[in-house]
Amino acid sequence: MTLSPYAPIIGLFAIAAAFALFSVAAARFAGPRRYNKAKLEAYECGIEPSPQPVGGGRFPIKFYLTAMLFIVFDIEIIFLYPWAVSFDALPIFGFVEMVLFIVAVFVAYAYVWRRGGLDWD
């Protein structure tokens, strides 16, 4: 019988899932159960929670710009690494596509820079 090439990956996922389930079950049985009013309230880094409007408060644009900056550079690395590894096998089309991609990333970077996403107050 031939072992599937995916068997080690499936085994690793099975071990990870078993460990996660065991950890949750063990914490439920072994952990203390002393609930009080303070433990049931929302936790905000030790600061008393401030009252929010019913529809939720408005977030400053800085949160969204930081998230966008992370996603842009994360996607850039995801695409640049395989391109750099297989650069020898790609024709000029691969080079042109990567230049266009880097230009698009630069446009996103310039937008975030212009909106003040890189200024740390």
PDB file of N, CA and C in Angstrom:
ATOM      1  N   MET A   1       0.850  -1.178   0.000  1.00  0.00           N
ATOM      2  CA  MET A   1       0.000   0.000   0.000  1.00  0.00           C
ATOM      3  C   MET A   1       0.895   1.240   0.000  1.00  0.00           C
ATOM      4  N   THR A   2       0.593   2.172  -0.892  1.00  0.00           N
ATOM      5  CA  THR A   2       1.382   3.375  -1.035  1.00  0.00           C
ATOM      6  C   THR A   2       0.827   4.465  -0.115  1.00  0.00           C
ATOM      7  N   LEU A   3       1.735   5.129   0.568  1.00  0.00           N
ATOM      8  CA  LEU A   3       1.332   6.212   1.464  1.00  0.00           C
ATOM      9  C   LEU A   3       1.139   7.480   0.641  1.00  0.00           C
ATOM     10  N   SER A   4       0.013   8.112   0.819  1.00  0.00           N
ATOM     11  CA  SER A   4      -0.289   9.336   0.085  1.00  0.00           C
ATOM     12  C   SER A   4       0.718  10.428   0.463  1.00  0.00           C
ATOM     13  N   PRO A   5       1.104  11.251  -0.502  1.00  0.00           N
ATOM     14  CA  PRO A   5       2.049  12.336  -0.162  1.00  0.00           C
ATOM     15  C   PRO A   5       1.429  13.377   0.779  1.00  0.00           C
ATOM     16  N   TYR A   6       0.105  13.364   0.896  1.00  0.00           N
ATOM     17  CA  TYR A   6      -0.560  14.311   1.780  1.00  0.00           C
ATOM     18  C   TYR A   6      -0.747  13.764   3.197  1.00  0.00           C
ATOM     19  N   ALA A   7      -0.352  12.544   3.431  1.00  0.00           N
ATOM     20  CA  ALA A   7      -0.556  11.930   4.752  1.00  0.00           C
ATOM     21  C   ALA A   7       0.152  12.697   5.872  1.00  0.00           C
ATOM     22  N   PRO A   8       1.397  13.146   5.697  1.00  0.00           N
ATOM     23  CA  PRO A   8       2.022  13.920   6.785  1.00  0.00           C
ATOM     24  C   PRO A   8       1.291  15.228   7.092  1.00  0.00           C
ATOM     25  N   ILE A   9       0.780  15.890   6.064  1.00  0.00           N
ATOM     26  CA  ILE A   9       0.067  17.142   6.284  1.00  0.00           C
ATOM     27  C   ILE A   9      -1.252  16.872   7.011  1.00  0.00           C
ATOM     28  N   ILE A  10      -1.963  15.840   6.577  1.00  0.00           N
ATOM     29  CA  ILE A  10      -3.219  15.485   7.227  1.00  0.00           C
ATOM     30  C   ILE A  10      -2.958  15.076   8.679  1.00  0.00           C
ATOM     31  N   GLY A  11      -1.871  14.322   8.895  1.00  0.00           N
ATOM     32  CA  GLY A  11      -1.516  13.936  10.263  1.00  0.00           C
ATOM     33  C   GLY A  11      -1.199  15.136  11.133  1.00  0.00           C
ATOM     34  N   LEU A  12      -0.493  16.111  10.573  1.00  0.00           N
ATOM     35  CA  LEU A  12      -0.161  17.320  11.326  1.00  0.00           C
ATOM     36  C   LEU A  12      -1.426  18.106  11.691  1.00  0.00           C
ATOM     37  N   PHE A  13      -2.362  18.219  10.748  1.00  0.00           N
ATOM     38  CA  PHE A  13      -3.630  18.885  11.045  1.00  0.00           C
ATOM     39  C   PHE A  13      -4.406  18.128  12.122  1.00  0.00           C
ATOM     40  N   ALA A  14      -4.378  16.802  12.061  1.00  0.00           N
ATOM     41  CA  ALA A  14      -5.085  15.999  13.062  1.00  0.00           C
ATOM     42  C   ALA A  14      -4.474  16.204  14.452  1.00  0.00           C
ATOM     43  N   ILE A  15      -3.150  16.230  14.533  1.00  0.00           N
ATOM     44  CA  ILE A  15      -2.486  16.459  15.816  1.00  0.00           C
ATOM     45  C   ILE A  15      -2.798  17.860  16.347  1.00  0.00           C
ATOM     46  N   ALA A  16      -2.784  18.859  15.454  1.00  0.00           N
ATOM     47  CA  ALA A  16      -3.086  20.233  15.877  1.00  0.00           C
ATOM     48  C   ALA A  16      -4.521  20.352  16.376  1.00  0.00           C
ATOM     49  N   ALA A  17      -5.461  19.726  15.675  1.00  0.00           N
ATOM     50  CA  ALA A  17      -6.859  19.782  16.098  1.00  0.00           C
ATOM     51  C   ALA A  17      -7.055  19.059  17.429  1.00  0.00           C
ATOM     52  N   ALA A  18      -6.395  17.904  17.591  1.00  0.00           N
ATOM     53  CA  ALA A  18      -6.510  17.167  18.848  1.00  0.00           C
ATOM     54  C   ALA A  18      -5.929  17.980  20.011  1.00  0.00           C
ATOM     55  N   PHE A  19      -4.803  18.640  19.778  1.00  0.00           N
ATOM     56  CA  PHE A  19      -4.194  19.457  20.823  1.00  0.00           C
ATOM     57  C   PHE A  19      -5.103  20.631  21.191  1.00  0.00           C
ATOM     58  N   ALA A  20      -5.714  21.272  20.178  1.00  0.00           N
ATOM     59  CA  ALA A  20      -6.608  22.400  20.451  1.00  0.00           C
ATOM     60  C   ALA A  20      -7.818  21.941  21.260  1.00  0.00           C
ATOM     61  N   LEU A  21      -8.428  20.835  20.865  1.00  0.00           N
ATOM     62  CA  LEU A  21      -9.589  20.330  21.598  1.00  0.00           C
ATOM     63  C   LEU A  21      -9.219  19.907  23.014  1.00  0.00           C
ATOM     64  N   PHE A  22      -8.066  19.248  23.148  1.00  0.00           N
ATOM     65  CA  PHE A  22      -7.616  18.845  24.482  1.00  0.00           C
ATOM     66  C   PHE A  22      -7.365  20.065  25.366  1.00  0.00           C
ATOM     67  N   SER A  23      -6.750  21.108  24.818  1.00  0.00           N
ATOM     68  CA  SER A  23      -6.452  22.311  25.605  1.00  0.00           C
ATOM     69  C   SER A  23      -7.728  22.993  26.084  1.00  0.00           C
ATOM     70  N   VAL A  24      -8.715  23.095  25.217  1.00  0.00           N
ATOM     71  CA  VAL A  24      -9.972  23.735  25.602  1.00  0.00           C
ATOM     72  C   VAL A  24     -10.685  22.904  26.671  1.00  0.00           C
ATOM     73  N   ALA A  25     -10.715  21.575  26.487  1.00  0.00           N
ATOM     74  CA  ALA A  25     -11.386  20.706  27.459  1.00  0.00           C
ATOM     75  C   ALA A  25     -10.654  20.715  28.798  1.00  0.00           C
ATOM     76  N   ALA A  26      -9.332  20.671  28.769  1.00  0.00           N
ATOM     77  CA  ALA A  26      -8.561  20.661  30.009  1.00  0.00           C
ATOM     78  C   ALA A  26      -8.732  21.978  30.769  1.00  0.00           C
ATOM     79  N   ALA A  27      -8.767  23.092  30.063  1.00  0.00           N
ATOM     80  CA  ALA A  27      -8.956  24.380  30.729  1.00  0.00           C
ATOM     81  C   ALA A  27     -10.348  24.466  31.345  1.00  0.00           C
ATOM     82  N   ARG A  28     -11.317  23.886  30.690  1.00  0.00           N
ATOM     83  CA  ARG A  28     -12.684  23.918  31.225  1.00  0.00           C
ATOM     84  C   ARG A  28     -12.797  23.122  32.517  1.00  0.00           C
ATOM     85  N   PHE A  29     -12.104  21.987  32.579  1.00  0.00           N
ATOM     86  CA  PHE A  29     -12.184  21.146  33.772  1.00  0.00           C
ATOM     87  C   PHE A  29     -11.216  21.592  34.870  1.00  0.00           C
ATOM     88  N   ALA A  30     -10.047  22.081  34.507  1.00  0.00           N
ATOM     89  CA  ALA A  30      -9.027  22.401  35.496  1.00  0.00           C
ATOM     90  C   ALA A  30      -9.075  23.852  35.987  1.00  0.00           C
ATOM     91  N   GLY A  31      -9.670  24.746  35.210  1.00  0.00           N
ATOM     92  CA  GLY A  31      -9.665  26.160  35.558  1.00  0.00           C
ATOM     93  C   GLY A  31     -10.652  26.513  36.648  1.00  0.00           C
ATOM     94  N   PRO A  32     -10.383  27.599  37.386  1.00  0.00           N
ATOM     95  CA  PRO A  32     -11.316  28.024  38.439  1.00  0.00           C
ATOM     96  C   PRO A  32     -12.577  28.636  37.823  1.00  0.00           C
ATOM     97  N   ARG A  33     -13.670  28.521  38.548  1.00  0.00           N
ATOM     98  CA  ARG A  33     -14.945  29.071  38.086  1.00  0.00           C
ATOM     99  C   ARG A  33     -15.460  30.081  39.122  1.00  0.00           C
ATOM    100  N   ARG A  34     -14.790  31.170  39.258  1.00  0.00           N
ATOM    101  CA  ARG A  34     -15.211  32.212  40.199  1.00  0.00           C
ATOM    102  C   ARG A  34     -15.610  33.451  39.396  1.00  0.00           C
ATOM    103  N   TYR A  35     -16.834  33.491  38.976  1.00  0.00           N
ATOM    104  CA  TYR A  35     -17.317  34.606  38.180  1.00  0.00           C
ATOM    105  C   TYR A  35     -17.794  35.720  39.102  1.00  0.00           C
ATOM    106  N   ASN A  36     -17.504  36.944  38.703  1.00  0.00           N
ATOM    107  CA  ASN A  36     -18.034  38.109  39.404  1.00  0.00           C
ATOM    108  C   ASN A  36     -18.358  39.179  38.367  1.00  0.00           C
ATOM    109  N   LYS A  37     -18.857  40.289  38.824  1.00  0.00           N
ATOM    110  CA  LYS A  37     -19.302  41.335  37.898  1.00  0.00           C
ATOM    111  C   LYS A  37     -18.159  41.871  37.034  1.00  0.00           C
ATOM    112  N   ALA A  38     -16.987  42.010  37.628  1.00  0.00           N
ATOM    113  CA  ALA A  38     -15.852  42.552  36.883  1.00  0.00           C
ATOM    114  C   ALA A  38     -15.398  41.608  35.771  1.00  0.00           C
ATOM    115  N   LYS A  39     -15.462  40.296  35.997  1.00  0.00           N
ATOM    116  CA  LYS A  39     -15.032  39.344  34.977  1.00  0.00           C
ATOM    117  C   LYS A  39     -16.017  39.251  33.811  1.00  0.00           C
ATOM    118  N   LEU A  40     -17.265  39.572  34.046  1.00  0.00           N
ATOM    119  CA  LEU A  40     -18.268  39.468  32.995  1.00  0.00           C
ATOM    120  C   LEU A  40     -18.379  40.744  32.157  1.00  0.00           C
ATOM    121  N   GLU A  41     -17.710  41.823  32.560  1.00  0.00           N
ATOM    122  CA  GLU A  41     -17.744  43.059  31.791  1.00  0.00           C
ATOM    123  C   GLU A  41     -16.707  43.016  30.674  1.00  0.00           C
ATOM    124  N   ALA A  42     -16.883  43.901  29.692  1.00  0.00           N
ATOM    125  CA  ALA A  42     -15.922  44.011  28.592  1.00  0.00           C
ATOM    126  C   ALA A  42     -14.588  44.532  29.134  1.00  0.00           C
ATOM    127  N   TYR A  43     -13.492  43.973  28.623  1.00  0.00           N
ATOM    128  CA  TYR A  43     -12.158  44.368  29.089  1.00  0.00           C
ATOM    129  C   TYR A  43     -11.502  45.249  28.040  1.00  0.00           C
ATOM    130  N   GLU A  44     -11.045  46.412  28.457  1.00  0.00           N
ATOM    131  CA  GLU A  44     -10.375  47.338  27.551  1.00  0.00           C
ATOM    132  C   GLU A  44      -9.043  47.759  28.136  1.00  0.00           C
ATOM    133  N   CYS A  45      -8.124  46.835  28.219  1.00  0.00           N
ATOM    134  CA  CYS A  45      -6.759  47.107  28.662  1.00  0.00           C
ATOM    135  C   CYS A  45      -6.716  47.716  30.067  1.00  0.00           C
ATOM    136  N   GLY A  46      -7.598  47.327  30.925  1.00  0.00           N
ATOM    137  CA  GLY A  46      -7.593  47.809  32.291  1.00  0.00           C
ATOM    138  C   GLY A  46      -8.241  49.161  32.470  1.00  0.00           C
ATOM    139  N   ILE A  47      -8.735  49.755  31.406  1.00  0.00           N
ATOM    140  CA  ILE A  47      -9.383  51.059  31.479  1.00  0.00           C
ATOM    141  C   ILE A  47     -10.890  50.830  31.555  1.00  0.00           C
ATOM    142  N   GLU A  48     -11.562  51.653  32.327  1.00  0.00           N
ATOM    143  CA  GLU A  48     -13.011  51.543  32.408  1.00  0.00           C
ATOM    144  C   GLU A  48     -13.605  51.771  31.025  1.00  0.00           C
ATOM    145  N   PRO A  49     -14.509  50.889  30.580  1.00  0.00           N
ATOM    146  CA  PRO A  49     -15.100  51.067  29.254  1.00  0.00           C
ATOM    147  C   PRO A  49     -15.903  52.354  29.177  1.00  0.00           C
ATOM    148  N   SER A  50     -15.725  53.076  28.108  1.00  0.00           N
ATOM    149  CA  SER A  50     -16.470  54.314  27.934  1.00  0.00           C
ATOM    150  C   SER A  50     -17.797  54.000  27.251  1.00  0.00           C
ATOM    151  N   PRO A  51     -18.831  54.721  27.593  1.00  0.00           N
ATOM    152  CA  PRO A  51     -20.134  54.447  26.966  1.00  0.00           C
ATOM    153  C   PRO A  51     -20.085  54.768  25.471  1.00  0.00           C
ATOM    154  N   GLN A  52     -20.690  53.912  24.673  1.00  0.00           N
ATOM    155  CA  GLN A  52     -20.712  54.080  23.232  1.00  0.00           C
ATOM    156  C   GLN A  52     -22.139  54.373  22.776  1.00  0.00           C
ATOM    157  N   PRO A  53     -22.281  55.084  21.670  1.00  0.00           N
ATOM    158  CA  PRO A  53     -23.621  55.283  21.120  1.00  0.00           C
ATOM    159  C   PRO A  53     -24.233  53.946  20.713  1.00  0.00           C
ATOM    160  N   VAL A  54     -25.544  53.926  20.543  1.00  0.00           N
ATOM    161  CA  VAL A  54     -26.250  52.693  20.235  1.00  0.00           C
ATOM    162  C   VAL A  54     -25.749  52.089  18.934  1.00  0.00           C
ATOM    163  N   GLY A  55     -25.523  52.865  17.923  1.00  0.00           N
ATOM    164  CA  GLY A  55     -25.072  52.359  16.629  1.00  0.00           C
ATOM    165  C   GLY A  55     -23.577  52.128  16.570  1.00  0.00           C
ATOM    166  N   GLY A  56     -22.859  52.347  17.647  1.00  0.00           N
ATOM    167  CA  GLY A  56     -21.406  52.217  17.636  1.00  0.00           C
ATOM    168  C   GLY A  56     -20.754  53.555  17.336  1.00  0.00           C
ATOM    169  N   GLY A  57     -19.551  53.727  17.813  1.00  0.00           N
ATOM    170  CA  GLY A  57     -18.844  54.985  17.588  1.00  0.00           C
ATOM    171  C   GLY A  57     -18.110  54.971  16.262  1.00  0.00           C
ATOM    172  N   ARG A  58     -17.691  56.133  15.843  1.00  0.00           N
ATOM    173  CA  ARG A  58     -16.917  56.230  14.603  1.00  0.00           C
ATOM    174  C   ARG A  58     -15.454  55.982  14.922  1.00  0.00           C
ATOM    175  N   PHE A  59     -14.802  55.214  14.090  1.00  0.00           N
ATOM    176  CA  PHE A  59     -13.376  54.960  14.240  1.00  0.00           C
ATOM    177  C   PHE A  59     -12.601  55.983  13.425  1.00  0.00           C
ATOM    178  N   PRO A  60     -11.482  56.446  13.954  1.00  0.00           N
ATOM    179  CA  PRO A  60     -10.648  57.342  13.153  1.00  0.00           C
ATOM    180  C   PRO A  60     -10.108  56.612  11.926  1.00  0.00           C
ATOM    181  N   ILE A  61      -9.808  57.368  10.894  1.00  0.00           N
ATOM    182  CA  ILE A  61      -9.324  56.805   9.636  1.00  0.00           C
ATOM    183  C   ILE A  61      -7.985  56.094   9.823  1.00  0.00           C
ATOM    184  N   LYS A  62      -7.254  56.451  10.896  1.00  0.00           N
ATOM    185  CA  LYS A  62      -5.945  55.853  11.128  1.00  0.00           C
ATOM    186  C   LYS A  62      -6.028  54.332  11.293  1.00  0.00           C
ATOM    187  N   PHE A  63      -7.104  53.825  11.892  1.00  0.00           N
ATOM    188  CA  PHE A  63      -7.259  52.381  12.038  1.00  0.00           C
ATOM    189  C   PHE A  63      -7.344  51.704  10.674  1.00  0.00           C
ATOM    190  N   TYR A  64      -8.130  52.289   9.783  1.00  0.00           N
ATOM    191  CA  TYR A  64      -8.303  51.704   8.463  1.00  0.00           C
ATOM    192  C   TYR A  64      -7.033  51.833   7.622  1.00  0.00           C
ATOM    193  N   LEU A  65      -6.341  52.950   7.759  1.00  0.00           N
ATOM    194  CA  LEU A  65      -5.100  53.124   7.001  1.00  0.00           C
ATOM    195  C   LEU A  65      -4.024  52.148   7.471  1.00  0.00           C
ATOM    196  N   THR A  66      -3.959  51.902   8.774  1.00  0.00           N
ATOM    197  CA  THR A  66      -2.995  50.933   9.282  1.00  0.00           C
ATOM    198  C   THR A  66      -3.320  49.534   8.774  1.00  0.00           C
ATOM    199  N   ALA A  67      -4.593  49.171   8.772  1.00  0.00           N
ATOM    200  CA  ALA A  67      -4.996  47.858   8.258  1.00  0.00           C
ATOM    201  C   ALA A  67      -4.698  47.758   6.770  1.00  0.00           C
ATOM    202  N   MET A  68      -4.980  48.815   6.021  1.00  0.00           N
ATOM    203  CA  MET A  68      -4.718  48.802   4.584  1.00  0.00           C
ATOM    204  C   MET A  68      -3.220  48.705   4.306  1.00  0.00           C
ATOM    205  N   LEU A  69      -2.428  49.397   5.082  1.00  0.00           N
ATOM    206  CA  LEU A  69      -0.983  49.340   4.910  1.00  0.00           C
ATOM    207  C   LEU A  69      -0.460  47.935   5.176  1.00  0.00           C
ATOM    208  N   PHE A  70      -0.958  47.300   6.219  1.00  0.00           N
ATOM    209  CA  PHE A  70      -0.549  45.928   6.506  1.00  0.00           C
ATOM    210  C   PHE A  70      -0.925  44.993   5.364  1.00  0.00           C
ATOM    211  N   ILE A  71      -2.148  45.104   4.874  1.00  0.00           N
ATOM    212  CA  ILE A  71      -2.604  44.213   3.805  1.00  0.00           C
ATOM    213  C   ILE A  71      -1.810  44.449   2.526  1.00  0.00           C
ATOM    214  N   VAL A  72      -1.550  45.698   2.188  1.00  0.00           N
ATOM    215  CA  VAL A  72      -0.805  45.997   0.960  1.00  0.00           C
ATOM    216  C   VAL A  72       0.583  45.379   1.010  1.00  0.00           C
ATOM    217  N   PHE A  73       1.298  45.565   2.099  1.00  0.00           N
ATOM    218  CA  PHE A  73       2.658  45.037   2.154  1.00  0.00           C
ATOM    219  C   PHE A  73       2.679  43.532   2.371  1.00  0.00           C
ATOM    220  N   ASP A  74       1.662  42.989   3.011  1.00  0.00           N
ATOM    221  CA  ASP A  74       1.565  41.543   3.149  1.00  0.00           C
ATOM    222  C   ASP A  74       1.349  40.898   1.787  1.00  0.00           C
ATOM    223  N   ILE A  75       0.445  41.442   1.000  1.00  0.00           N
ATOM    224  CA  ILE A  75       0.201  40.904  -0.338  1.00  0.00           C
ATOM    225  C   ILE A  75       1.423  41.108  -1.225  1.00  0.00           C
ATOM    226  N   GLU A  76       2.118  42.197  -1.048  1.00  0.00           N
ATOM    227  CA  GLU A  76       3.325  42.428  -1.842  1.00  0.00           C
ATOM    228  C   GLU A  76       4.358  41.338  -1.592  1.00  0.00           C
ATOM    229  N   ILE A  77       4.569  40.987  -0.345  1.00  0.00           N
ATOM    230  CA  ILE A  77       5.546  39.941  -0.031  1.00  0.00           C
ATOM    231  C   ILE A  77       5.082  38.593  -0.550  1.00  0.00           C
ATOM    232  N   ILE A  78       3.775  38.329  -0.451  1.00  0.00           N
ATOM    233  CA  ILE A  78       3.244  37.046  -0.934  1.00  0.00           C
ATOM    234  C   ILE A  78       3.496  36.884  -2.426  1.00  0.00           C
ATOM    235  N   PHE A  79       3.416  37.959  -3.194  1.00  0.00           N
ATOM    236  CA  PHE A  79       3.643  37.865  -4.632  1.00  0.00           C
ATOM    237  C   PHE A  79       5.109  38.015  -5.018  1.00  0.00           C
ATOM    238  N   LEU A  80       5.870  38.795  -4.281  1.00  0.00           N
ATOM    239  CA  LEU A  80       7.273  39.011  -4.658  1.00  0.00           C
ATOM    240  C   LEU A  80       8.162  37.803  -4.393  1.00  0.00           C
ATOM    241  N   TYR A  81       7.901  37.072  -3.332  1.00  0.00           N
ATOM    242  CA  TYR A  81       8.778  35.952  -2.993  1.00  0.00           C
ATOM    243  C   TYR A  81       8.757  34.852  -4.055  1.00  0.00           C
ATOM    244  N   PRO A  82       7.579  34.351  -4.464  1.00  0.00           N
ATOM    245  CA  PRO A  82       7.599  33.323  -5.519  1.00  0.00           C
ATOM    246  C   PRO A  82       8.142  33.865  -6.840  1.00  0.00           C
ATOM    247  N   TRP A  83       7.896  35.135  -7.127  1.00  0.00           N
ATOM    248  CA  TRP A  83       8.424  35.716  -8.356  1.00  0.00           C
ATOM    249  C   TRP A  83       9.955  35.737  -8.322  1.00  0.00           C
ATOM    250  N   ALA A  84      10.522  36.090  -7.180  1.00  0.00           N
ATOM    251  CA  ALA A  84      11.975  36.129  -7.066  1.00  0.00           C
ATOM    252  C   ALA A  84      12.580  34.740  -7.164  1.00  0.00           C
ATOM    253  N   VAL A  85      11.875  33.734  -6.636  1.00  0.00           N
ATOM    254  CA  VAL A  85      12.400  32.365  -6.695  1.00  0.00           C
ATOM    255  C   VAL A  85      12.403  31.843  -8.132  1.00  0.00           C
ATOM    256  N   SER A  86      11.372  32.163  -8.903  1.00  0.00           N
ATOM    257  CA  SER A  86      11.279  31.642 -10.269  1.00  0.00           C
ATOM    258  C   SER A  86      11.617  32.698 -11.314  1.00  0.00           C
ATOM    259  N   PHE A  87      12.418  33.675 -10.972  1.00  0.00           N
ATOM    260  CA  PHE A  87      12.735  34.764 -11.888  1.00  0.00           C
ATOM    261  C   PHE A  87      13.457  34.268 -13.134  1.00  0.00           C
ATOM    262  N   ASP A  88      14.338  33.279 -13.004  1.00  0.00           N
ATOM    263  CA  ASP A  88      15.097  32.782 -14.157  1.00  0.00           C
ATOM    264  C   ASP A  88      14.203  32.123 -15.194  1.00  0.00           C
ATOM    265  N   ALA A  89      13.125  31.495 -14.771  1.00  0.00           N
ATOM    266  CA  ALA A  89      12.255  30.760 -15.688  1.00  0.00           C
ATOM    267  C   ALA A  89      11.209  31.650 -16.354  1.00  0.00           C
ATOM    268  N   LEU A  90      11.043  32.866 -15.882  1.00  0.00           N
ATOM    269  CA  LEU A  90      10.004  33.739 -16.437  1.00  0.00           C
ATOM    270  C   LEU A  90      10.536  34.530 -17.624  1.00  0.00           C
ATOM    271  N   PRO A  91       9.726  34.672 -18.651  1.00  0.00           N
ATOM    272  CA  PRO A  91      10.150  35.540 -19.756  1.00  0.00           C
ATOM    273  C   PRO A  91       9.957  37.008 -19.391  1.00  0.00           C
ATOM    274  N   ILE A  92      10.102  37.874 -20.359  1.00  0.00           N
ATOM    275  CA  ILE A  92       9.979  39.307 -20.123  1.00  0.00           C
ATOM    276  C   ILE A  92       8.568  39.675 -19.647  1.00  0.00           C
ATOM    277  N   PHE A  93       7.579  38.864 -20.013  1.00  0.00           N
ATOM    278  CA  PHE A  93       6.206  39.107 -19.571  1.00  0.00           C
ATOM    279  C   PHE A  93       6.118  39.098 -18.043  1.00  0.00           C
ATOM    280  N   GLY A  94       6.819  38.170 -17.381  1.00  0.00           N
ATOM    281  CA  GLY A  94       6.823  38.108 -15.928  1.00  0.00           C
ATOM    282  C   GLY A  94       7.428  39.359 -15.309  1.00  0.00           C
ATOM    283  N   PHE A  95       8.470  39.881 -15.946  1.00  0.00           N
ATOM    284  CA  PHE A  95       9.105  41.099 -15.452  1.00  0.00           C
ATOM    285  C   PHE A  95       8.168  42.298 -15.588  1.00  0.00           C
ATOM    286  N   VAL A  96       7.503  42.411 -16.724  1.00  0.00           N
ATOM    287  CA  VAL A  96       6.581  43.523 -16.948  1.00  0.00           C
ATOM    288  C   VAL A  96       5.410  43.453 -15.965  1.00  0.00           C
ATOM    289  N   GLU A  97       4.884  42.253 -15.749  1.00  0.00           N
ATOM    290  CA  GLU A  97       3.778  42.104 -14.801  1.00  0.00           C
ATOM    291  C   GLU A  97       4.194  42.515 -13.389  1.00  0.00           C
ATOM    292  N   MET A  98       5.409  42.165 -12.990  1.00  0.00           N
ATOM    293  CA  MET A  98       5.867  42.521 -11.648  1.00  0.00           C
ATOM    294  C   MET A  98       6.108  44.028 -11.539  1.00  0.00           C
ATOM    295  N   VAL A  99       6.580  44.645 -12.592  1.00  0.00           N
ATOM    296  CA  VAL A  99       6.744  46.103 -12.565  1.00  0.00           C
ATOM    297  C   VAL A  99       5.384  46.776 -12.409  1.00  0.00           C
ATOM    298  N   LEU A 100       4.373  46.293 -13.125  1.00  0.00           N
ATOM    299  CA  LEU A 100       3.029  46.852 -12.982  1.00  0.00           C
ATOM    300  C   LEU A 100       2.490  46.633 -11.568  1.00  0.00           C
ATOM    301  N   PHE A 101       2.761  45.474 -11.010  1.00  0.00           N
ATOM    302  CA  PHE A 101       2.319  45.190  -9.643  1.00  0.00           C
ATOM    303  C   PHE A 101       2.988  46.130  -8.643  1.00  0.00           C
ATOM    304  N   ILE A 102       4.289  46.352  -8.797  1.00  0.00           N
ATOM    305  CA  ILE A 102       5.012  47.241  -7.880  1.00  0.00           C
ATOM    306  C   ILE A 102       4.516  48.678  -8.031  1.00  0.00           C
ATOM    307  N   VAL A 103       4.152  49.087  -9.243  1.00  0.00           N
ATOM    308  CA  VAL A 103       3.583  50.424  -9.438  1.00  0.00           C
ATOM    309  C   VAL A 103       2.252  50.536  -8.701  1.00  0.00           C
ATOM    310  N   ALA A 104       1.415  49.497  -8.775  1.00  0.00           N
ATOM    311  CA  ALA A 104       0.132  49.513  -8.058  1.00  0.00           C
ATOM    312  C   ALA A 104       0.353  49.572  -6.553  1.00  0.00           C
ATOM    313  N   VAL A 105       1.334  48.850  -6.049  1.00  0.00           N
ATOM    314  CA  VAL A 105       1.647  48.895  -4.622  1.00  0.00           C
ATOM    315  C   VAL A 105       2.157  50.282  -4.241  1.00  0.00           C
ATOM    316  N   PHE A 106       2.948  50.887  -5.100  1.00  0.00           N
ATOM    317  CA  PHE A 106       3.453  52.225  -4.817  1.00  0.00           C
ATOM    318  C   PHE A 106       2.315  53.246  -4.769  1.00  0.00           C
ATOM    319  N   VAL A 107       1.303  53.082  -5.615  1.00  0.00           N
ATOM    320  CA  VAL A 107       0.148  53.990  -5.585  1.00  0.00           C
ATOM    321  C   VAL A 107      -0.572  53.863  -4.244  1.00  0.00           C
ATOM    322  N   ALA A 108      -0.753  52.634  -3.766  1.00  0.00           N
ATOM    323  CA  ALA A 108      -1.388  52.425  -2.463  1.00  0.00           C
ATOM    324  C   ALA A 108      -0.533  53.020  -1.349  1.00  0.00           C
ATOM    325  N   TYR A 109       0.766  52.836  -1.437  1.00  0.00           N
ATOM    326  CA  TYR A 109       1.682  53.397  -0.445  1.00  0.00           C
ATOM    327  C   TYR A 109       1.612  54.925  -0.447  1.00  0.00           C
ATOM    328  N   ALA A 110       1.591  55.531  -1.624  1.00  0.00           N
ATOM    329  CA  ALA A 110       1.512  56.990  -1.710  1.00  0.00           C
ATOM    330  C   ALA A 110       0.194  57.500  -1.138  1.00  0.00           C
ATOM    331  N   TYR A 111      -0.892  56.757  -1.351  1.00  0.00           N
ATOM    332  CA  TYR A 111      -2.194  57.158  -0.797  1.00  0.00           C
ATOM    333  C   TYR A 111      -2.147  57.139   0.727  1.00  0.00           C
ATOM    334  N   VAL A 112      -1.609  56.067   1.294  1.00  0.00           N
ATOM    335  CA  VAL A 112      -1.532  55.962   2.748  1.00  0.00           C
ATOM    336  C   VAL A 112      -0.605  57.050   3.307  1.00  0.00           C
ATOM    337  N   TRP A 113       0.480  57.309   2.631  1.00  0.00           N
ATOM    338  CA  TRP A 113       1.420  58.332   3.076  1.00  0.00           C
ATOM    339  C   TRP A 113       0.749  59.706   3.040  1.00  0.00           C
ATOM    340  N   ARG A 114       0.014  59.990   1.967  1.00  0.00           N
ATOM    341  CA  ARG A 114      -0.641  61.284   1.821  1.00  0.00           C
ATOM    342  C   ARG A 114      -1.746  61.485   2.850  1.00  0.00           C
ATOM    343  N   ARG A 115      -2.445  60.396   3.215  1.00  0.00           N
ATOM    344  CA  ARG A 115      -3.537  60.478   4.196  1.00  0.00           C
ATOM    345  C   ARG A 115      -3.024  60.499   5.631  1.00  0.00           C
ATOM    346  N   GLY A 116      -1.711  60.391   5.829  1.00  0.00           N
ATOM    347  CA  GLY A 116      -1.155  60.468   7.172  1.00  0.00           C
ATOM    348  C   GLY A 116      -1.091  59.134   7.889  1.00  0.00           C
ATOM    349  N   GLY A 117      -1.153  58.039   7.150  1.00  0.00           N
ATOM    350  CA  GLY A 117      -1.112  56.727   7.777  1.00  0.00           C
ATOM    351  C   GLY A 117       0.242  56.365   8.342  1.00  0.00           C
ATOM    352  N   LEU A 118       1.290  57.053   7.933  1.00  0.00           N
ATOM    353  CA  LEU A 118       2.631  56.759   8.424  1.00  0.00           C
ATOM    354  C   LEU A 118       3.062  57.704   9.554  1.00  0.00           C
ATOM    355  N   ASP A 119       2.214  58.674   9.895  1.00  0.00           N
ATOM    356  CA  ASP A 119       2.524  59.598  10.985  1.00  0.00           C
ATOM    357  C   ASP A 119       2.058  58.987  12.293  1.00  0.00           C
ATOM    358  N   TRP A 120       2.977  58.754  13.212  1.00  0.00           N
ATOM    359  CA  TRP A 120       2.632  58.172  14.501  1.00  0.00           C
ATOM    360  C   TRP A 120       2.494  59.282  15.511  1.00  0.00           C
ATOM    361  N   ASP A 121       1.280  59.527  15.949  1.00  0.00           N
ATOM    362  CA  ASP A 121       1.017  60.617  16.909  1.00  0.00           C
ATOM    363  C   ASP A 121       1.336  60.206  18.318  1.00  0.00           C
TER     364      ASP A 121
END
